[in-house]
Amino acid sequence: MANNLRRVLGALLFFGSFVIYGAVFYVAASGELRISERAALASILYGVSWGAFALGSLLLGPEFLESIKKFIKLDSRPSKKD
């Protein structure tokens, strides 16, 4: 049960970190705040996004990160062009 809760919380933080970028865009486009307030709030949201991403990755564990690597399939071999 605790392991499932850890994975659910990790997934929420991991994928929720990308949702925060919508708030960053809203803050940047908002005309109600001064430029300094927009910059400060966008910086805070950006930091929270990376923190949520890192914490979510830790909670999901190394097997999740390996599955992400396999999904992305980073190829380190040089390409052969004709």
N, C-alpha and C. Protein backbone atom coordinates (compact mmCIF):
# COMPACT_ATOMS: atom_id res chain seq x y z
N MET A 1 0.83 -1.20 0.00
CA MET A 1 0.00 0.00 0.00
C MET A 1 0.87 1.26 0.00
N ALA A 2 1.91 1.27 0.83
CA ALA A 2 2.79 2.43 0.90
C ALA A 2 3.55 2.62 -0.41
N ASN A 3 3.92 1.50 -1.05
CA ASN A 3 4.64 1.58 -2.31
C ASN A 3 3.75 2.16 -3.41
N ASN A 4 2.46 1.78 -3.41
CA ASN A 4 1.53 2.34 -4.39
C ASN A 4 1.31 3.82 -4.16
N LEU A 5 1.22 4.23 -2.91
CA LEU A 5 1.04 5.63 -2.58
C LEU A 5 2.26 6.44 -3.02
N ARG A 6 3.45 5.87 -2.83
CA ARG A 6 4.68 6.52 -3.25
C ARG A 6 4.69 6.71 -4.77
N ARG A 7 4.27 5.70 -5.50
CA ARG A 7 4.25 5.79 -6.96
C ARG A 7 3.19 6.78 -7.46
N VAL A 8 2.04 6.79 -6.83
CA VAL A 8 0.98 7.74 -7.24
C VAL A 8 1.43 9.17 -6.97
N LEU A 9 1.98 9.40 -5.80
CA LEU A 9 2.46 10.74 -5.46
C LEU A 9 3.61 11.14 -6.39
N GLY A 10 4.50 10.20 -6.68
CA GLY A 10 5.60 10.48 -7.60
C GLY A 10 5.11 10.82 -9.00
N ALA A 11 4.10 10.08 -9.48
CA ALA A 11 3.55 10.35 -10.81
C ALA A 11 2.85 11.72 -10.85
N LEU A 12 2.13 12.05 -9.78
CA LEU A 12 1.47 13.36 -9.72
C LEU A 12 2.49 14.50 -9.75
N LEU A 13 3.56 14.34 -8.99
CA LEU A 13 4.58 15.38 -8.98
C LEU A 13 5.32 15.44 -10.31
N PHE A 14 5.65 14.27 -10.87
CA PHE A 14 6.41 14.23 -12.12
C PHE A 14 5.62 14.87 -13.26
N PHE A 15 4.39 14.43 -13.47
CA PHE A 15 3.60 14.97 -14.57
C PHE A 15 3.02 16.35 -14.23
N GLY A 16 2.80 16.61 -12.95
CA GLY A 16 2.32 17.93 -12.54
C GLY A 16 3.36 19.01 -12.74
N SER A 17 4.63 18.63 -12.76
CA SER A 17 5.67 19.63 -12.98
C SER A 17 5.56 20.25 -14.37
N PHE A 18 5.02 19.51 -15.32
CA PHE A 18 4.83 20.06 -16.67
C PHE A 18 3.60 20.97 -16.74
N VAL A 19 2.63 20.72 -15.89
CA VAL A 19 1.41 21.53 -15.87
C VAL A 19 1.71 22.94 -15.36
N ILE A 20 2.72 23.05 -14.52
CA ILE A 20 3.07 24.35 -13.95
C ILE A 20 3.48 25.33 -15.04
N TYR A 21 3.98 24.83 -16.16
CA TYR A 21 4.39 25.74 -17.24
C TYR A 21 3.20 26.53 -17.80
N GLY A 22 2.02 26.00 -17.70
CA GLY A 22 0.83 26.76 -18.08
C GLY A 22 0.66 27.97 -17.18
N ALA A 23 0.92 27.80 -15.90
CA ALA A 23 0.84 28.93 -14.97
C ALA A 23 1.94 29.94 -15.25
N VAL A 24 3.12 29.46 -15.63
CA VAL A 24 4.22 30.38 -15.97
C VAL A 24 3.82 31.22 -17.18
N PHE A 25 3.23 30.60 -18.19
CA PHE A 25 2.78 31.34 -19.36
C PHE A 25 1.71 32.36 -18.99
N TYR A 26 0.78 31.97 -18.14
CA TYR A 26 -0.28 32.89 -17.71
C TYR A 26 0.31 34.10 -16.99
N VAL A 27 1.26 33.84 -16.11
CA VAL A 27 1.89 34.93 -15.37
C VAL A 27 2.63 35.86 -16.32
N ALA A 28 3.33 35.27 -17.29
CA ALA A 28 4.09 36.09 -18.24
C ALA A 28 3.16 36.94 -19.11
N ALA A 29 1.99 36.42 -19.43
CA ALA A 29 1.06 37.14 -20.30
C ALA A 29 0.13 38.07 -19.54
N SER A 30 0.11 37.96 -18.24
CA SER A 30 -0.79 38.77 -17.42
C SER A 30 -0.37 40.23 -17.44
N GLY A 31 -1.32 41.10 -17.68
CA GLY A 31 -1.03 42.53 -17.68
C GLY A 31 -1.33 43.20 -16.36
N GLU A 32 -1.83 42.43 -15.41
CA GLU A 32 -2.22 43.00 -14.12
C GLU A 32 -1.04 43.21 -13.18
N LEU A 33 0.08 42.54 -13.45
CA LEU A 33 1.24 42.63 -12.57
C LEU A 33 2.34 43.46 -13.22
N ARG A 34 3.17 44.05 -12.36
CA ARG A 34 4.34 44.76 -12.88
C ARG A 34 5.34 43.75 -13.42
N ILE A 35 6.27 44.23 -14.22
CA ILE A 35 7.24 43.33 -14.83
C ILE A 35 8.08 42.63 -13.77
N SER A 36 8.49 43.33 -12.74
CA SER A 36 9.30 42.72 -11.68
C SER A 36 8.51 41.64 -10.94
N GLU A 37 7.22 41.87 -10.72
CA GLU A 37 6.39 40.86 -10.06
C GLU A 37 6.21 39.65 -10.95
N ARG A 38 6.01 39.87 -12.26
CA ARG A 38 5.88 38.76 -13.20
C ARG A 38 7.16 37.93 -13.24
N ALA A 39 8.30 38.60 -13.28
CA ALA A 39 9.58 37.88 -13.34
C ALA A 39 9.81 37.07 -12.07
N ALA A 40 9.50 37.66 -10.92
CA ALA A 40 9.69 36.95 -9.66
C ALA A 40 8.76 35.75 -9.55
N LEU A 41 7.50 35.93 -9.89
CA LEU A 41 6.54 34.84 -9.80
C LEU A 41 6.84 33.74 -10.80
N ALA A 42 7.25 34.11 -12.01
CA ALA A 42 7.61 33.11 -13.01
C ALA A 42 8.85 32.33 -12.57
N SER A 43 9.81 33.00 -11.95
CA SER A 43 11.00 32.32 -11.45
C SER A 43 10.66 31.34 -10.34
N ILE A 44 9.79 31.74 -9.45
CA ILE A 44 9.37 30.85 -8.35
C ILE A 44 8.65 29.63 -8.91
N LEU A 45 7.74 29.84 -9.86
CA LEU A 45 7.01 28.72 -10.46
C LEU A 45 7.96 27.79 -11.21
N TYR A 46 8.94 28.36 -11.88
CA TYR A 46 9.93 27.55 -12.60
C TYR A 46 10.72 26.68 -11.62
N GLY A 47 11.13 27.26 -10.50
CA GLY A 47 11.85 26.49 -9.47
C GLY A 47 10.98 25.41 -8.86
N VAL A 48 9.72 25.71 -8.61
CA VAL A 48 8.79 24.72 -8.06
C VAL A 48 8.59 23.58 -9.07
N SER A 49 8.54 23.92 -10.35
CA SER A 49 8.38 22.90 -11.38
C SER A 49 9.56 21.93 -11.38
N TRP A 50 10.76 22.45 -11.33
CA TRP A 50 11.94 21.57 -11.31
C TRP A 50 12.01 20.77 -10.01
N GLY A 51 11.63 21.37 -8.91
CA GLY A 51 11.61 20.64 -7.64
C GLY A 51 10.61 19.50 -7.67
N ALA A 52 9.42 19.75 -8.22
CA ALA A 52 8.41 18.70 -8.34
C ALA A 52 8.88 17.60 -9.28
N PHE A 53 9.56 17.98 -10.37
CA PHE A 53 10.09 17.01 -11.32
C PHE A 53 11.12 16.11 -10.64
N ALA A 54 12.04 16.71 -9.89
CA ALA A 54 13.09 15.94 -9.22
C ALA A 54 12.52 15.04 -8.13
N LEU A 55 11.63 15.57 -7.32
CA LEU A 55 11.04 14.77 -6.24
C LEU A 55 10.17 13.65 -6.80
N GLY A 56 9.41 13.94 -7.85
CA GLY A 56 8.61 12.91 -8.50
C GLY A 56 9.47 11.81 -9.09
N SER A 57 10.60 12.18 -9.69
CA SER A 57 11.52 11.19 -10.24
C SER A 57 12.09 10.30 -9.15
N LEU A 58 12.43 10.91 -8.02
CA LEU A 58 12.96 10.12 -6.90
C LEU A 58 11.91 9.15 -6.35
N LEU A 59 10.68 9.62 -6.23
CA LEU A 59 9.63 8.76 -5.68
C LEU A 59 9.26 7.63 -6.64
N LEU A 60 9.34 7.88 -7.93
CA LEU A 60 9.00 6.84 -8.90
C LEU A 60 10.08 5.76 -8.99
N GLY A 61 11.31 6.13 -8.70
CA GLY A 61 12.38 5.14 -8.65
C GLY A 61 13.13 4.99 -9.95
N PRO A 62 14.23 4.26 -9.89
CA PRO A 62 15.10 4.11 -11.06
C PRO A 62 14.46 3.32 -12.20
N GLU A 63 13.56 2.41 -11.88
CA GLU A 63 12.94 1.62 -12.96
C GLU A 63 12.07 2.49 -13.85
N PHE A 64 11.44 3.51 -13.29
CA PHE A 64 10.65 4.43 -14.11
C PHE A 64 11.55 5.25 -15.01
N LEU A 65 12.66 5.71 -14.47
CA LEU A 65 13.59 6.49 -15.27
C LEU A 65 14.20 5.66 -16.39
N GLU A 66 14.44 4.38 -16.13
CA GLU A 66 14.94 3.50 -17.19
C GLU A 66 13.89 3.31 -18.29
N SER A 67 12.62 3.22 -17.90
CA SER A 67 11.57 3.08 -18.91
C SER A 67 11.43 4.37 -19.74
N ILE A 68 11.67 5.52 -19.12
CA ILE A 68 11.66 6.79 -19.86
C ILE A 68 12.83 6.80 -20.85
N LYS A 69 13.99 6.35 -20.42
CA LYS A 69 15.15 6.30 -21.31
C LYS A 69 14.90 5.38 -22.49
N LYS A 70 14.25 4.24 -22.23
CA LYS A 70 13.94 3.32 -23.32
C LYS A 70 12.91 3.93 -24.26
N PHE A 71 11.98 4.68 -23.72
CA PHE A 71 10.95 5.32 -24.54
C PHE A 71 11.57 6.38 -25.45
N ILE A 72 12.46 7.17 -24.89
CA ILE A 72 13.13 8.21 -25.66
C ILE A 72 14.16 7.59 -26.61
N LYS A 73 14.79 6.52 -26.15
CA LYS A 73 15.75 5.75 -26.96
C LYS A 73 16.87 6.66 -27.48
N LEU A 74 17.65 7.16 -26.55
CA LEU A 74 18.80 7.97 -26.91
C LEU A 74 19.87 7.06 -27.51
N ASP A 75 20.24 7.35 -28.72
CA ASP A 75 21.20 6.52 -29.44
C ASP A 75 22.54 7.25 -29.46
N SER A 76 23.57 6.63 -28.87
CA SER A 76 24.87 7.27 -28.79
C SER A 76 25.77 6.91 -29.97
N ARG A 77 25.33 6.02 -30.85
CA ARG A 77 26.13 5.66 -32.00
C ARG A 77 26.09 6.77 -33.05
N PRO A 78 27.21 7.01 -33.71
CA PRO A 78 27.19 8.05 -34.76
C PRO A 78 26.34 7.58 -35.96
N SER A 79 25.67 8.53 -36.56
CA SER A 79 24.81 8.18 -37.69
C SER A 79 25.66 7.95 -38.94
N LYS A 80 25.21 7.01 -39.77
CA LYS A 80 25.91 6.70 -41.01
C LYS A 80 25.14 7.31 -42.17
N LYS A 81 25.73 8.33 -42.75
CA LYS A 81 25.07 8.99 -43.89
C LYS A 81 25.78 8.57 -45.16
N ASP A 82 25.01 8.38 -46.21
CA ASP A 82 25.59 7.98 -47.50
C ASP A 82 26.14 9.17 -48.22
